[in-house]
Structure formats: C-alpha cells, structure tokens
Full PDB file with SEQRES, HELIX, SHEET, SSBOND, CRYST1, ORIGX, SCALE, CONECT and MASTER records, all heavy atoms in Angstrom:
SEQRES   1 A   44  PHE TRP GLY LEU TYR VAL HIS VAL CYS LYS ILE GLY THR          
SEQRES   2 A   44  LEU ARG GLN ALA TYR ALA LEU ALA LYS ALA ASN ASN GLY          
SEQRES   3 A   44  ALA PRO GLY SER ASP GLY VAL THR PHE ALA ALA ILE GLU          
SEQRES   4 A   44  ALA GLN GLY VAL GLU                                          
HELIX    1 AA1 TYR A    5  CYS A    9  1                                   5    
HELIX    2 AA2 ILE A   11  ASN A   24  1                                  14    
HELIX    3 AA3 PHE A   35  GLN A   41  1                                   7    
CRYST1    1.000    1.000    1.000  90.00  90.00  90.00 P 1           1          
ORIGX1      1.000000  0.000000  0.000000        0.00000                         
ORIGX2      0.000000  1.000000  0.000000        0.00000                         
ORIGX3      0.000000  0.000000  1.000000        0.00000                         
SCALE1      1.000000  0.000000  0.000000        0.00000                         
SCALE2      0.000000  1.000000  0.000000        0.00000                         
SCALE3      0.000000  0.000000  1.000000        0.00000                         
ATOM      1  N   PHE A   1    -150.284 -79.588  24.100  1.00  0.00           N  
ATOM      2  CA  PHE A   1    -150.319 -78.936  22.828  1.00  0.00           C  
ATOM      3  C   PHE A   1    -149.083 -78.048  22.474  1.00  0.00           C  
ATOM      4  O   PHE A   1    -148.659 -77.289  23.374  1.00  0.00           O  
ATOM      5  CB  PHE A   1    -151.641 -78.138  22.612  1.00  0.00           C  
ATOM      6  CG  PHE A   1    -152.919 -79.050  22.645  1.00  0.00           C  
ATOM      7  CD1 PHE A   1    -153.446 -79.477  23.740  1.00  0.00           C  
ATOM      8  CD2 PHE A   1    -153.482 -79.331  21.415  1.00  0.00           C  
ATOM      9  CE1 PHE A   1    -154.593 -80.311  23.736  1.00  0.00           C  
ATOM     10  CE2 PHE A   1    -154.609 -80.080  21.417  1.00  0.00           C  
ATOM     11  CZ  PHE A   1    -155.163 -80.580  22.585  1.00  0.00           C  
ATOM     12  N   TRP A   2    -148.616 -78.159  21.254  1.00  0.00           N  
ATOM     13  CA  TRP A   2    -147.458 -77.319  20.979  1.00  0.00           C  
ATOM     14  C   TRP A   2    -147.914 -76.581  19.553  1.00  0.00           C  
ATOM     15  O   TRP A   2    -148.802 -76.890  18.956  1.00  0.00           O  
ATOM     16  CB  TRP A   2    -146.196 -78.167  20.657  1.00  0.00           C  
ATOM     17  CG  TRP A   2    -146.409 -79.324  19.784  1.00  0.00           C  
ATOM     18  CD1 TRP A   2    -146.852 -80.560  20.121  1.00  0.00           C  
ATOM     19  CD2 TRP A   2    -146.169 -79.354  18.339  1.00  0.00           C  
ATOM     20  NE1 TRP A   2    -146.930 -81.314  19.063  1.00  0.00           N  
ATOM     21  CE2 TRP A   2    -146.529 -80.669  17.860  1.00  0.00           C  
ATOM     22  CE3 TRP A   2    -145.700 -78.341  17.411  1.00  0.00           C  
ATOM     23  CZ2 TRP A   2    -146.371 -81.022  16.521  1.00  0.00           C  
ATOM     24  CZ3 TRP A   2    -145.553 -78.778  16.038  1.00  0.00           C  
ATOM     25  CH2 TRP A   2    -145.920 -80.083  15.719  1.00  0.00           C  
ATOM     26  N   GLY A   3    -147.098 -75.593  19.172  1.00  0.00           N  
ATOM     27  CA  GLY A   3    -147.343 -74.948  18.002  1.00  0.00           C  
ATOM     28  C   GLY A   3    -148.597 -74.006  18.015  1.00  0.00           C  
ATOM     29  O   GLY A   3    -149.177 -73.710  16.952  1.00  0.00           O  
ATOM     30  N   LEU A   4    -148.959 -73.568  19.271  1.00  0.00           N  
ATOM     31  CA  LEU A   4    -150.078 -72.682  19.294  1.00  0.00           C  
ATOM     32  C   LEU A   4    -149.959 -71.214  19.019  1.00  0.00           C  
ATOM     33  O   LEU A   4    -150.817 -70.548  18.590  1.00  0.00           O  
ATOM     34  CB  LEU A   4    -150.703 -72.867  20.782  1.00  0.00           C  
ATOM     35  CG  LEU A   4    -151.197 -74.301  21.175  1.00  0.00           C  
ATOM     36  CD1 LEU A   4    -151.576 -74.313  22.656  1.00  0.00           C  
ATOM     37  CD2 LEU A   4    -152.350 -74.697  20.375  1.00  0.00           C  
ATOM     38  N   TYR A   5    -148.700 -70.806  19.317  1.00  0.00           N  
ATOM     39  CA  TYR A   5    -148.331 -69.377  19.242  1.00  0.00           C  
ATOM     40  C   TYR A   5    -148.590 -68.835  17.844  1.00  0.00           C  
ATOM     41  O   TYR A   5    -149.059 -67.693  17.599  1.00  0.00           O  
ATOM     42  CB  TYR A   5    -146.895 -69.083  19.618  1.00  0.00           C  
ATOM     43  CG  TYR A   5    -146.640 -67.598  19.827  1.00  0.00           C  
ATOM     44  CD1 TYR A   5    -147.109 -66.863  20.895  1.00  0.00           C  
ATOM     45  CD2 TYR A   5    -145.781 -66.975  18.930  1.00  0.00           C  
ATOM     46  CE1 TYR A   5    -146.727 -65.519  21.042  1.00  0.00           C  
ATOM     47  CE2 TYR A   5    -145.420 -65.616  19.005  1.00  0.00           C  
ATOM     48  CZ  TYR A   5    -145.943 -64.919  20.150  1.00  0.00           C  
ATOM     49  OH  TYR A   5    -145.586 -63.573  20.350  1.00  0.00           O  
ATOM     50  N   VAL A   6    -148.341 -69.653  16.817  1.00  0.00           N  
ATOM     51  CA  VAL A   6    -148.481 -69.241  15.410  1.00  0.00           C  
ATOM     52  C   VAL A   6    -150.016 -68.866  15.182  1.00  0.00           C  
ATOM     53  O   VAL A   6    -150.293 -67.989  14.402  1.00  0.00           O  
ATOM     54  CB  VAL A   6    -147.995 -70.210  14.492  1.00  0.00           C  
ATOM     55  CG1 VAL A   6    -148.785 -71.584  14.465  1.00  0.00           C  
ATOM     56  CG2 VAL A   6    -147.898 -69.646  13.044  1.00  0.00           C  
ATOM     57  N   HIS A   7    -150.869 -69.637  15.806  1.00  0.00           N  
ATOM     58  CA  HIS A   7    -152.297 -69.409  15.592  1.00  0.00           C  
ATOM     59  C   HIS A   7    -152.705 -68.096  16.370  1.00  0.00           C  
ATOM     60  O   HIS A   7    -153.677 -67.431  15.888  1.00  0.00           O  
ATOM     61  CB  HIS A   7    -153.058 -70.605  16.082  1.00  0.00           C  
ATOM     62  CG  HIS A   7    -152.812 -71.791  15.294  1.00  0.00           C  
ATOM     63  ND1 HIS A   7    -153.149 -71.932  13.952  1.00  0.00           N  
ATOM     64  CD2 HIS A   7    -152.260 -72.995  15.752  1.00  0.00           C  
ATOM     65  CE1 HIS A   7    -152.757 -73.255  13.533  1.00  0.00           C  
ATOM     66  NE2 HIS A   7    -152.212 -73.843  14.620  1.00  0.00           N  
ATOM     67  N   VAL A   8    -152.190 -67.885  17.422  1.00  0.00           N  
ATOM     68  CA  VAL A   8    -152.412 -66.534  18.188  1.00  0.00           C  
ATOM     69  C   VAL A   8    -152.104 -65.387  17.380  1.00  0.00           C  
ATOM     70  O   VAL A   8    -152.739 -64.378  17.330  1.00  0.00           O  
ATOM     71  CB  VAL A   8    -151.594 -66.525  19.557  1.00  0.00           C  
ATOM     72  CG1 VAL A   8    -151.899 -65.222  20.249  1.00  0.00           C  
ATOM     73  CG2 VAL A   8    -152.053 -67.689  20.453  1.00  0.00           C  
ATOM     74  N   CYS A   9    -150.958 -65.488  16.549  1.00  0.00           N  
ATOM     75  CA  CYS A   9    -150.458 -64.434  15.870  1.00  0.00           C  
ATOM     76  C   CYS A   9    -151.156 -64.194  14.495  1.00  0.00           C  
ATOM     77  O   CYS A   9    -150.944 -63.225  13.788  1.00  0.00           O  
ATOM     78  CB  CYS A   9    -149.034 -64.488  15.548  1.00  0.00           C  
ATOM     79  SG  CYS A   9    -147.872 -64.588  17.018  1.00  0.00           S  
ATOM     80  N   LYS A  10    -151.986 -65.180  14.063  1.00  0.00           N  
ATOM     81  CA  LYS A  10    -152.669 -64.984  12.724  1.00  0.00           C  
ATOM     82  C   LYS A  10    -153.577 -63.813  12.678  1.00  0.00           C  
ATOM     83  O   LYS A  10    -154.253 -63.514  13.714  1.00  0.00           O  
ATOM     84  CB  LYS A  10    -153.467 -66.249  12.491  1.00  0.00           C  
ATOM     85  CG  LYS A  10    -152.619 -67.479  12.070  1.00  0.00           C  
ATOM     86  CD  LYS A  10    -153.520 -68.688  11.747  1.00  0.00           C  
ATOM     87  CE  LYS A  10    -152.612 -69.877  11.242  1.00  0.00           C  
ATOM     88  NZ  LYS A  10    -153.526 -71.037  10.970  1.00  0.00           N  
ATOM     89  N   ILE A  11    -153.609 -63.154  11.633  1.00  0.00           N  
ATOM     90  CA  ILE A  11    -154.395 -61.879  11.509  1.00  0.00           C  
ATOM     91  C   ILE A  11    -155.927 -62.255  11.704  1.00  0.00           C  
ATOM     92  O   ILE A  11    -156.734 -61.446  12.172  1.00  0.00           O  
ATOM     93  CB  ILE A  11    -154.168 -61.227  10.172  1.00  0.00           C  
ATOM     94  CG1 ILE A  11    -154.653 -59.781  10.183  1.00  0.00           C  
ATOM     95  CG2 ILE A  11    -154.828 -61.960   8.997  1.00  0.00           C  
ATOM     96  CD1 ILE A  11    -153.941 -58.883  11.123  1.00  0.00           C  
ATOM     97  N   GLY A  12    -156.385 -63.417  11.251  1.00  0.00           N  
ATOM     98  CA  GLY A  12    -157.803 -63.810  11.397  1.00  0.00           C  
ATOM     99  C   GLY A  12    -158.138 -64.033  12.863  1.00  0.00           C  
ATOM    100  O   GLY A  12    -159.241 -63.579  13.254  1.00  0.00           O  
ATOM    101  N   THR A  13    -157.226 -64.503  13.734  1.00  0.00           N  
ATOM    102  CA  THR A  13    -157.507 -64.589  15.141  1.00  0.00           C  
ATOM    103  C   THR A  13    -157.577 -63.254  15.775  1.00  0.00           C  
ATOM    104  O   THR A  13    -158.423 -63.024  16.572  1.00  0.00           O  
ATOM    105  CB  THR A  13    -156.346 -65.459  15.798  1.00  0.00           C  
ATOM    106  OG1 THR A  13    -156.229 -66.698  15.124  1.00  0.00           O  
ATOM    107  CG2 THR A  13    -156.714 -65.745  17.319  1.00  0.00           C  
ATOM    108  N   LEU A  14    -156.600 -62.381  15.467  1.00  0.00           N  
ATOM    109  CA  LEU A  14    -156.596 -61.068  15.952  1.00  0.00           C  
ATOM    110  C   LEU A  14    -157.729 -60.247  15.519  1.00  0.00           C  
ATOM    111  O   LEU A  14    -158.391 -59.469  16.284  1.00  0.00           O  
ATOM    112  CB  LEU A  14    -155.261 -60.286  15.481  1.00  0.00           C  
ATOM    113  CG  LEU A  14    -153.932 -60.866  16.059  1.00  0.00           C  
ATOM    114  CD1 LEU A  14    -152.784 -60.267  15.372  1.00  0.00           C  
ATOM    115  CD2 LEU A  14    -153.834 -60.789  17.567  1.00  0.00           C  
ATOM    116  N   ARG A  15    -158.210 -60.443  14.287  1.00  0.00           N  
ATOM    117  CA  ARG A  15    -159.436 -59.754  13.743  1.00  0.00           C  
ATOM    118  C   ARG A  15    -160.652 -60.185  14.541  1.00  0.00           C  
ATOM    119  O   ARG A  15    -161.484 -59.294  14.932  1.00  0.00           O  
ATOM    120  CB  ARG A  15    -159.635 -60.010  12.301  1.00  0.00           C  
ATOM    121  CG  ARG A  15    -160.513 -59.060  11.515  1.00  0.00           C  
ATOM    122  CD  ARG A  15    -160.590 -59.420  10.114  1.00  0.00           C  
ATOM    123  NE  ARG A  15    -159.240 -59.005   9.394  1.00  0.00           N  
ATOM    124  CZ  ARG A  15    -158.590 -59.846   8.618  1.00  0.00           C  
ATOM    125  NH1 ARG A  15    -158.912 -61.104   8.498  1.00  0.00           N  
ATOM    126  NH2 ARG A  15    -157.432 -59.462   8.028  1.00  0.00           N  
ATOM    127  N   GLN A  16    -160.751 -61.424  14.814  1.00  0.00           N  
ATOM    128  CA  GLN A  16    -161.853 -61.992  15.625  1.00  0.00           C  
ATOM    129  C   GLN A  16    -161.779 -61.420  17.000  1.00  0.00           C  
ATOM    130  O   GLN A  16    -162.823 -61.014  17.705  1.00  0.00           O  
ATOM    131  CB  GLN A  16    -161.956 -63.493  15.603  1.00  0.00           C  
ATOM    132  CG  GLN A  16    -162.958 -64.099  16.456  1.00  0.00           C  
ATOM    133  CD  GLN A  16    -164.362 -63.831  15.977  1.00  0.00           C  
ATOM    134  OE1 GLN A  16    -164.657 -63.383  14.895  1.00  0.00           O  
ATOM    135  NE2 GLN A  16    -165.374 -64.080  16.872  1.00  0.00           N  
ATOM    136  N   ALA A  17    -160.612 -61.422  17.597  1.00  0.00           N  
ATOM    137  CA  ALA A  17    -160.462 -60.845  18.994  1.00  0.00           C  
ATOM    138  C   ALA A  17    -160.882 -59.426  19.095  1.00  0.00           C  
ATOM    139  O   ALA A  17    -161.464 -58.956  20.046  1.00  0.00           O  
ATOM    140  CB  ALA A  17    -159.057 -61.111  19.485  1.00  0.00           C  
ATOM    141  N   TYR A  18    -160.469 -58.652  17.994  1.00  0.00           N  
ATOM    142  CA  TYR A  18    -160.870 -57.208  18.013  1.00  0.00           C  
ATOM    143  C   TYR A  18    -162.352 -57.064  17.885  1.00  0.00           C  
ATOM    144  O   TYR A  18    -163.003 -56.236  18.598  1.00  0.00           O  
ATOM    145  CB  TYR A  18    -160.283 -56.508  16.844  1.00  0.00           C  
ATOM    146  CG  TYR A  18    -160.533 -55.019  16.717  1.00  0.00           C  
ATOM    147  CD1 TYR A  18    -159.956 -54.032  17.493  1.00  0.00           C  
ATOM    148  CD2 TYR A  18    -161.630 -54.645  15.844  1.00  0.00           C  
ATOM    149  CE1 TYR A  18    -160.405 -52.700  17.341  1.00  0.00           C  
ATOM    150  CE2 TYR A  18    -161.995 -53.339  15.679  1.00  0.00           C  
ATOM    151  CZ  TYR A  18    -161.376 -52.374  16.526  1.00  0.00           C  
ATOM    152  OH  TYR A  18    -161.720 -51.081  16.398  1.00  0.00           O  
ATOM    153  N   ALA A  19    -163.065 -57.874  17.089  1.00  0.00           N  
ATOM    154  CA  ALA A  19    -164.518 -57.728  16.878  1.00  0.00           C  
ATOM    155  C   ALA A  19    -165.155 -58.120  18.223  1.00  0.00           C  
ATOM    156  O   ALA A  19    -166.178 -57.420  18.613  1.00  0.00           O  
ATOM    157  CB  ALA A  19    -164.982 -58.754  15.867  1.00  0.00           C  
ATOM    158  N   LEU A  20    -164.665 -59.059  18.955  1.00  0.00           N  
ATOM    159  CA  LEU A  20    -165.275 -59.390  20.314  1.00  0.00           C  
ATOM    160  C   LEU A  20    -165.054 -58.274  21.287  1.00  0.00           C  
ATOM    161  O   LEU A  20    -165.984 -57.920  22.085  1.00  0.00           O  
ATOM    162  CB  LEU A  20    -164.726 -60.780  20.813  1.00  0.00           C  
ATOM    163  CG  LEU A  20    -165.049 -61.996  20.057  1.00  0.00           C  
ATOM    164  CD1 LEU A  20    -164.234 -63.147  20.512  1.00  0.00           C  
ATOM    165  CD2 LEU A  20    -166.531 -62.333  20.194  1.00  0.00           C  
ATOM    166  N   ALA A  21    -163.837 -57.720  21.238  1.00  0.00           N  
ATOM    167  CA  ALA A  21    -163.510 -56.534  22.145  1.00  0.00           C  
ATOM    168  C   ALA A  21    -164.478 -55.366  21.906  1.00  0.00           C  
ATOM    169  O   ALA A  21    -164.967 -54.733  22.810  1.00  0.00           O  
ATOM    170  CB  ALA A  21    -162.110 -56.231  22.043  1.00  0.00           C  
ATOM    171  N   LYS A  22    -164.657 -55.022  20.562  1.00  0.00           N  
ATOM    172  CA  LYS A  22    -165.504 -54.003  20.194  1.00  0.00           C  
ATOM    173  C   LYS A  22    -166.973 -54.185  20.559  1.00  0.00           C  
ATOM    174  O   LYS A  22    -167.744 -53.318  20.971  1.00  0.00           O  
ATOM    175  CB  LYS A  22    -165.377 -53.653  18.712  1.00  0.00           C  
ATOM    176  CG  LYS A  22    -166.092 -52.357  18.313  1.00  0.00           C  
ATOM    177  CD  LYS A  22    -165.959 -52.078  16.862  1.00  0.00           C  
ATOM    178  CE  LYS A  22    -166.836 -50.838  16.543  1.00  0.00           C  
ATOM    179  NZ  LYS A  22    -166.891 -50.517  15.187  1.00  0.00           N  
ATOM    180  N   ALA A  23    -167.462 -55.475  20.399  1.00  0.00           N  
ATOM    181  CA  ALA A  23    -168.772 -55.751  20.819  1.00  0.00           C  
ATOM    182  C   ALA A  23    -169.122 -55.513  22.238  1.00  0.00           C  
ATOM    183  O   ALA A  23    -170.243 -55.150  22.558  1.00  0.00           O  
ATOM    184  CB  ALA A  23    -169.041 -57.296  20.437  1.00  0.00           C  
ATOM    185  N   ASN A  24    -168.075 -55.706  23.119  1.00  0.00           N  
ATOM    186  CA  ASN A  24    -168.318 -55.397  24.492  1.00  0.00           C  
ATOM    187  C   ASN A  24    -168.204 -53.852  24.813  1.00  0.00           C  
ATOM    188  O   ASN A  24    -168.765 -53.484  25.941  1.00  0.00           O  
ATOM    189  CB  ASN A  24    -167.211 -56.066  25.388  1.00  0.00           C  
ATOM    190  CG  ASN A  24    -167.350 -57.564  25.366  1.00  0.00           C  
ATOM    191  OD1 ASN A  24    -168.452 -58.085  25.287  1.00  0.00           O  
ATOM    192  ND2 ASN A  24    -166.237 -58.345  25.441  1.00  0.00           N  
ATOM    193  N   ASN A  25    -167.672 -53.100  23.841  1.00  0.00           N  
ATOM    194  CA  ASN A  25    -167.759 -51.666  23.980  1.00  0.00           C  
ATOM    195  C   ASN A  25    -167.222 -51.091  25.310  1.00  0.00           C  
ATOM    196  O   ASN A  25    -167.857 -50.249  25.900  1.00  0.00           O  
ATOM    197  CB  ASN A  25    -169.102 -51.092  23.643  1.00  0.00           C  
ATOM    198  CG  ASN A  25    -169.156 -49.599  23.331  1.00  0.00           C  
ATOM    199  OD1 ASN A  25    -168.208 -49.175  22.755  1.00  0.00           O  
ATOM    200  ND2 ASN A  25    -170.226 -48.991  23.604  1.00  0.00           N  
ATOM    201  N   GLY A  26    -166.095 -51.610  25.687  1.00  0.00           N  
ATOM    202  CA  GLY A  26    -165.501 -51.173  27.013  1.00  0.00           C  
ATOM    203  C   GLY A  26    -164.832 -49.762  26.942  1.00  0.00           C  
ATOM    204  O   GLY A  26    -164.612 -49.230  25.873  1.00  0.00           O  
ATOM    205  N   ALA A  27    -164.502 -49.304  28.079  1.00  0.00           N  
ATOM    206  CA  ALA A  27    -163.853 -48.053  28.203  1.00  0.00           C  
ATOM    207  C   ALA A  27    -162.390 -48.096  27.786  1.00  0.00           C  
ATOM    208  O   ALA A  27    -161.852 -49.221  27.777  1.00  0.00           O  
ATOM    209  CB  ALA A  27    -163.962 -47.471  29.720  1.00  0.00           C  
ATOM    210  N   PRO A  28    -161.796 -47.055  27.422  1.00  0.00           N  
ATOM    211  CA  PRO A  28    -160.257 -47.081  27.091  1.00  0.00           C  
ATOM    212  C   PRO A  28    -159.433 -47.499  28.224  1.00  0.00           C  
ATOM    213  O   PRO A  28    -159.883 -47.281  29.379  1.00  0.00           O  
ATOM    214  CB  PRO A  28    -159.987 -45.757  26.515  1.00  0.00           C  
ATOM    215  CG  PRO A  28    -161.006 -44.833  27.120  1.00  0.00           C  
ATOM    216  CD  PRO A  28    -162.188 -45.696  27.326  1.00  0.00           C  
ATOM    217  N   GLY A  29    -158.279 -48.050  27.965  1.00  0.00           N  
ATOM    218  CA  GLY A  29    -157.338 -48.399  29.039  1.00  0.00           C  
ATOM    219  C   GLY A  29    -156.410 -47.269  29.465  1.00  0.00           C  
ATOM    220  O   GLY A  29    -156.722 -46.053  29.290  1.00  0.00           O  
ATOM    221  N   SER A  30    -155.312 -47.608  30.031  1.00  0.00           N  
ATOM    222  CA  SER A  30    -154.328 -46.552  30.551  1.00  0.00           C  
ATOM    223  C   SER A  30    -153.827 -45.727  29.446  1.00  0.00           C  
ATOM    224  O   SER A  30    -153.333 -44.549  29.811  1.00  0.00           O  
ATOM    225  CB  SER A  30    -153.219 -47.182  31.344  1.00  0.00           C  
ATOM    226  OG  SER A  30    -152.563 -48.117  30.509  1.00  0.00           O  
ATOM    227  N   ASP A  31    -153.722 -46.156  28.218  1.00  0.00           N  
ATOM    228  CA  ASP A  31    -153.171 -45.319  27.147  1.00  0.00           C  
ATOM    229  C   ASP A  31    -154.252 -44.368  26.561  1.00  0.00           C  
ATOM    230  O   ASP A  31    -153.878 -43.572  25.708  1.00  0.00           O  
ATOM    231  CB  ASP A  31    -152.633 -46.220  26.074  1.00  0.00           C  
ATOM    232  CG  ASP A  31    -153.733 -47.072  25.464  1.00  0.00           C  
ATOM    233  OD1 ASP A  31    -154.827 -47.200  25.885  1.00  0.00           O  
ATOM    234  OD2 ASP A  31    -153.334 -47.837  24.485  1.00  0.00           O  
ATOM    235  N   GLY A  32    -155.491 -44.403  26.957  1.00  0.00           N  
ATOM    236  CA  GLY A  32    -156.483 -43.563  26.474  1.00  0.00           C  
ATOM    237  C   GLY A  32    -156.961 -43.788  25.007  1.00  0.00           C  
ATOM    238  O   GLY A  32    -157.845 -42.994  24.570  1.00  0.00           O  
ATOM    239  N   VAL A  33    -156.575 -44.763  24.415  1.00  0.00           N  
ATOM    240  CA  VAL A  33    -156.890 -45.053  23.012  1.00  0.00           C  
ATOM    241  C   VAL A  33    -158.289 -45.663  22.975  1.00  0.00           C  
ATOM    242  O   VAL A  33    -158.659 -46.638  23.624  1.00  0.00           O  
ATOM    243  CB  VAL A  33    -155.853 -46.091  22.447  1.00  0.00           C  
ATOM    244  CG1 VAL A  33    -156.337 -46.389  20.952  1.00  0.00           C  
ATOM    245  CG2 VAL A  33    -154.498 -45.338  22.332  1.00  0.00           C  
ATOM    246  N   THR A  34    -159.153 -45.123  22.168  1.00  0.00           N  
ATOM    247  CA  THR A  34    -160.525 -45.523  21.989  1.00  0.00           C  
ATOM    248  C   THR A  34    -160.750 -46.309  20.703  1.00  0.00           C  
ATOM    249  O   THR A  34    -159.872 -46.228  19.765  1.00  0.00           O  
ATOM    250  CB  THR A  34    -161.483 -44.327  22.044  1.00  0.00           C  
ATOM    251  OG1 THR A  34    -161.264 -43.526  20.838  1.00  0.00           O  
ATOM    252  CG2 THR A  34    -161.342 -43.604  23.273  1.00  0.00           C  
ATOM    253  N   PHE A  35    -161.894 -46.990  20.593  1.00  0.00           N  
ATOM    254  CA  PHE A  35    -162.227 -47.759  19.347  1.00  0.00           C  
ATOM    255  C   PHE A  35    -162.379 -46.706  18.144  1.00  0.00           C  
ATOM    256  O   PHE A  35    -161.999 -47.060  17.035  1.00  0.00           O  
ATOM    257  CB  PHE A  35    -163.500 -48.529  19.494  1.00  0.00           C  
ATOM    258  CG  PHE A  35    -163.302 -49.795  20.320  1.00  0.00           C  
ATOM    259  CD1 PHE A  35    -163.728 -49.801  21.638  1.00  0.00           C  
ATOM    260  CD2 PHE A  35    -162.581 -50.900  19.772  1.00  0.00           C  
ATOM    261  CE1 PHE A  35    -163.552 -50.962  22.376  1.00  0.00           C  
ATOM    262  CE2 PHE A  35    -162.525 -52.031  20.576  1.00  0.00           C  
ATOM    263  CZ  PHE A  35    -162.926 -52.053  21.887  1.00  0.00           C  
ATOM    264  N   ALA A  36    -162.909 -45.538  18.443  1.00  0.00           N  
ATOM    265  CA  ALA A  36    -163.031 -44.491  17.476  1.00  0.00           C  
ATOM    266  C   ALA A  36    -161.698 -44.084  16.863  1.00  0.00           C  
ATOM    267  O   ALA A  36    -161.556 -43.941  15.664  1.00  0.00           O  
ATOM    268  CB  ALA A  36    -163.855 -43.368  18.010  1.00  0.00           C  
ATOM    269  N   ALA A  37    -160.743 -43.943  17.729  1.00  0.00           N  
ATOM    270  CA  ALA A  37    -159.411 -43.487  17.295  1.00  0.00           C  
ATOM    271  C   ALA A  37    -158.746 -44.597  16.435  1.00  0.00           C  
ATOM    272  O   ALA A  37    -158.104 -44.272  15.457  1.00  0.00           O  
ATOM    273  CB  ALA A  37    -158.550 -43.154  18.507  1.00  0.00           C  
ATOM    274  N   ILE A  38    -158.914 -45.871  16.834  1.00  0.00           N  
ATOM    275  CA  ILE A  38    -158.365 -46.939  16.067  1.00  0.00           C  
ATOM    276  C   ILE A  38    -158.930 -47.084  14.723  1.00  0.00           C  
ATOM    277  O   ILE A  38    -158.285 -47.244  13.735  1.00  0.00           O  
ATOM    278  CB  ILE A  38    -158.660 -48.325  16.896  1.00  0.00           C  
ATOM    279  CG1 ILE A  38    -157.752 -48.291  18.185  1.00  0.00           C  
ATOM    280  CG2 ILE A  38    -158.276 -49.467  15.986  1.00  0.00           C  
ATOM    281  CD1 ILE A  38    -158.091 -49.435  19.093  1.00  0.00           C  
ATOM    282  N   GLU A  39    -160.313 -46.872  14.615  1.00  0.00           N  
ATOM    283  CA  GLU A  39    -160.994 -46.982  13.336  1.00  0.00           C  
ATOM    284  C   GLU A  39    -160.651 -45.798  12.393  1.00  0.00           C  
ATOM    285  O   GLU A  39    -160.720 -45.875  11.223  1.00  0.00           O  
ATOM    286  CB  GLU A  39    -162.518 -47.206  13.545  1.00  0.00           C  
ATOM    287  CG  GLU A  39    -162.805 -48.477  14.241  1.00  0.00           C  
ATOM    288  CD  GLU A  39    -164.304 -48.796  14.347  1.00  0.00           C  
ATOM    289  OE1 GLU A  39    -165.081 -47.930  13.909  1.00  0.00           O  
ATOM    290  OE2 GLU A  39    -164.614 -49.882  14.841  1.00  0.00           O  
ATOM    291  N   ALA A  40    -160.381 -44.638  13.074  1.00  0.00           N  
ATOM    292  CA  ALA A  40    -159.985 -43.533  12.301  1.00  0.00           C  
ATOM    293  C   ALA A  40    -158.607 -43.778  11.675  1.00  0.00           C  
ATOM    294  O   ALA A  40    -158.385 -43.402  10.520  1.00  0.00           O  
ATOM    295  CB  ALA A  40    -159.966 -42.283  13.157  1.00  0.00           C  
ATOM    296  N   GLN A  41    -157.772 -44.379  12.402  1.00  0.00           N  
ATOM    297  CA  GLN A  41    -156.451 -44.772  11.874  1.00  0.00           C  
ATOM    298  C   GLN A  41    -156.470 -45.898  10.922  1.00  0.00           C  
ATOM    299  O   GLN A  41    -155.712 -45.993   9.892  1.00  0.00           O  
ATOM    300  CB  GLN A  41    -155.473 -45.242  13.100  1.00  0.00           C  
ATOM    301  CG  GLN A  41    -154.156 -45.881  12.708  1.00  0.00           C  
ATOM    302  CD  GLN A  41    -153.517 -46.515  13.895  1.00  0.00           C  
ATOM    303  OE1 GLN A  41    -154.098 -46.532  14.955  1.00  0.00           O  
ATOM    304  NE2 GLN A  41    -152.470 -47.276  13.602  1.00  0.00           N  
ATOM    305  N   GLY A  42    -157.457 -46.850  11.083  1.00  0.00           N  
ATOM    306  CA  GLY A  42    -157.573 -48.057  10.292  1.00  0.00           C  
ATOM    307  C   GLY A  42    -157.316 -49.315  11.105  1.00  0.00           C  
ATOM    308  O   GLY A  42    -156.197 -49.514  11.738  1.00  0.00           O  
ATOM    309  N   VAL A  43    -158.336 -50.107  11.266  1.00  0.00           N  
ATOM    310  CA  VAL A  43    -158.221 -51.374  12.073  1.00  0.00           C  
ATOM    311  C   VAL A  43    -157.220 -52.243  11.552  1.00  0.00           C  
ATOM    312  O   VAL A  43    -156.441 -52.863  12.355  1.00  0.00           O  
ATOM    313  CB  VAL A  43    -159.714 -52.048  12.085  1.00  0.00           C  
ATOM    314  CG1 VAL A  43    -159.518 -53.364  12.906  1.00  0.00           C  
ATOM    315  CG2 VAL A  43    -160.704 -51.177  12.729  1.00  0.00           C  
ATOM    316  N   GLU A  44    -157.061 -52.345  10.258  1.00  0.00           N  
ATOM    317  CA  GLU A  44    -156.144 -53.372   9.716  1.00  0.00           C  
ATOM    318  C   GLU A  44    -154.653 -52.927  10.071  1.00  0.00           C  
ATOM    319  O   GLU A  44    -153.777 -53.765  10.434  1.00  0.00           O  
ATOM    320  CB  GLU A  44    -156.304 -53.518   8.259  1.00  0.00           C  
ATOM    321  CG  GLU A  44    -157.515 -54.362   7.843  1.00  0.00           C  
ATOM    322  CD  GLU A  44    -157.575 -55.761   8.365  1.00  0.00           C  
ATOM    323  OE1 GLU A  44    -156.458 -56.443   8.192  1.00  0.00           O  
ATOM    324  OE2 GLU A  44    -158.559 -56.117   8.891  1.00  0.00           O  
TER     325      GLU A  44                                                      
MASTER        0    0    0    3    0    0    0    6  324    1    0    4          
END                                                                             
C-alpha cells in the first residue's frame, strides 16, 4: 500500500485518535500535559 501518510495526517483521523486516547483516560506523559489542559487550550 502507498499513499497512506496523507490519511494519517487528515484532521478526521487525528480527531478520532484523540477521542480514543481520551476514552482510555491515561496519565500524562513526560511533558506533563493533561487532557484538561488541552481542552482548556482548545482541542482543534
């Protein structure tokens, strides 16, 4: 398969990936950024 990267970069794909990540409600990573901080800034 070729031409896959453009689909990875689509905002719809990223939006779905974010929804799945938030549903798991994991702890923040090494940068300390939380879902609450992201939503305060704006998910989009």
